[in-house]
Protein backbone atom coordinates (compact mmCIF):
# COMPACT_ATOMS: atom_id res chain seq x y z
CA MET A 1 -2.87 -131.97 84.38
CA ARG A 2 -3.29 -128.44 85.72
CA CYS A 3 -6.88 -126.75 85.96
CA THR A 4 -7.01 -124.39 82.88
CA ILE A 5 -8.66 -121.83 85.59
CA CYS A 6 -6.98 -122.21 88.76
CA GLY A 7 -3.56 -123.99 87.75
CA ILE A 8 -4.27 -126.40 90.86
CA ARG A 9 -2.38 -130.06 89.71
CA ILE A 10 -3.46 -133.96 89.28
CA ASP A 11 -1.27 -136.00 89.27
CA SER A 12 -3.22 -139.19 86.75
CA GLU A 13 -6.26 -138.87 84.39
CA ASP A 14 -7.17 -141.87 86.62
CA ASN A 15 -7.53 -139.91 89.44
CA ALA A 16 -8.84 -136.77 87.26
CA VAL A 17 -11.25 -139.58 86.36
CA GLU A 18 -12.28 -140.23 89.84
CA GLU A 19 -12.49 -136.20 91.24
CA GLY A 20 -14.53 -135.29 89.01
CA TRP A 21 -12.11 -133.01 86.55
CA ILE A 22 -13.58 -131.95 83.69
CA PRO A 23 -11.44 -132.34 80.18
CA TYR A 24 -12.72 -129.82 78.38
CA PHE A 25 -15.23 -126.66 78.51
CA CYS A 26 -15.90 -123.49 76.47
CA GLY A 27 -15.43 -119.84 77.36
CA GLY A 28 -16.82 -118.25 74.49
CA GLU A 29 -16.40 -119.45 70.32
CA ILE A 30 -12.63 -121.16 72.55
CA GLU A 31 -12.54 -124.27 73.69
CA HIS A 32 -10.27 -124.48 76.42
CA GLU A 33 -8.14 -127.97 78.46
CA VAL A 34 -9.42 -129.98 81.52
CA ALA A 35 -11.06 -128.23 84.66
CA CYS A 36 -11.16 -129.07 88.49
CA PRO A 37 -14.79 -129.96 90.19
CA ASP A 38 -14.19 -126.91 92.13
CA CYS A 39 -13.74 -124.29 89.43
CA THR A 40 -16.30 -126.48 87.34
CA GLN A 41 -18.97 -126.58 90.46
CA ALA A 42 -18.30 -122.19 90.93
CA LEU A 43 -17.45 -121.32 87.80
CA LEU A 44 -18.48 -123.12 84.83
CA GLN A 45 -22.38 -124.57 83.83
CA ASP A 46 -24.42 -126.69 81.33
CA GLY A 47 -25.10 -124.91 77.97
CA LYS A 48 -28.24 -125.01 75.72
CA ASP A 49 -26.32 -127.70 73.23
CA GLY A 50 -25.04 -129.87 76.38
CA GLU A 51 -21.40 -128.86 76.67
CA MET A 52 -19.72 -127.01 79.79
CA GLU A 53 -19.61 -123.74 79.38
CA VAL A 54 -18.26 -120.40 81.48
CA LYS A 55 -21.43 -118.76 83.05
CA GLU A 56 -22.17 -115.59 81.96
CA GLU A 57 -21.17 -113.56 85.13
CA PHE A 58 -17.47 -114.72 84.34
CA ARG A 59 -17.71 -114.76 81.17
CA GLY A 60 -15.37 -111.99 79.90
CA ARG A 61 -13.46 -112.03 83.06
CA LEU A 62 -11.31 -114.95 83.96
CA LYS A 63 -7.61 -115.45 81.91
CA TYR A 64 -7.19 -119.21 81.05
CA LEU A 65 -3.58 -120.86 81.62
CA ASP A 66 -3.96 -122.51 78.03
CA GLU A 67 -4.69 -118.97 76.73
CA LYS A 68 -0.78 -117.73 75.81
CA ALA A 69 -0.19 -113.94 77.92
CA ASP A 70 1.76 -111.54 78.01
CA GLU A 71 2.52 -111.60 80.94
CA GLY A 72 4.21 -114.39 83.08
CA TRP A 73 2.61 -114.48 86.30
CA GLN A 74 -1.54 -113.88 86.74
CA ASP A 75 -3.75 -112.53 89.56
CA TYR A 76 -6.35 -115.09 90.15
CA SER A 77 -7.34 -114.11 93.36
CA ASP A 78 -11.06 -113.78 92.13
CA VAL A 79 -10.87 -117.06 91.15
CA VAL A 80 -9.86 -119.06 94.16
CA SER A 81 -12.50 -116.12 95.77
CA THR A 82 -15.00 -117.75 95.00
CA VAL A 83 -14.37 -121.13 93.89
CA LEU A 84 -13.74 -121.39 98.15
CA GLU A 85 -16.81 -119.08 98.73
CA SER A 86 -18.67 -121.96 96.84
CA GLU A 87 -15.91 -124.58 98.45
CA PRO A 88 -14.39 -123.61 101.42
CA GLY A 89 -13.39 -127.27 102.84
CA LYS A 90 -10.81 -127.26 99.06
CA LEU A 91 -7.85 -124.70 100.74
CA ASN A 92 -4.94 -126.44 100.22
């Protein structure tokens, strides 16, 4: 499995559950696949309906790895910077 936002990988669903990965979240009207705990903390919030959603300040600014893109490589430096600001010890 890999985080739909930052691309970090985890080797099993069991480990993902233990470490607090979320199975899905909403980015506008689209439901996206899993997110790691660091991206969840930095970029997501509980929505009014109780579902996890992208924080307002990041809506429309993120590209997701589960979306088809015209280019094969995407620059995730802003996302990584935001995540590291909230959890600086998580640099892999």
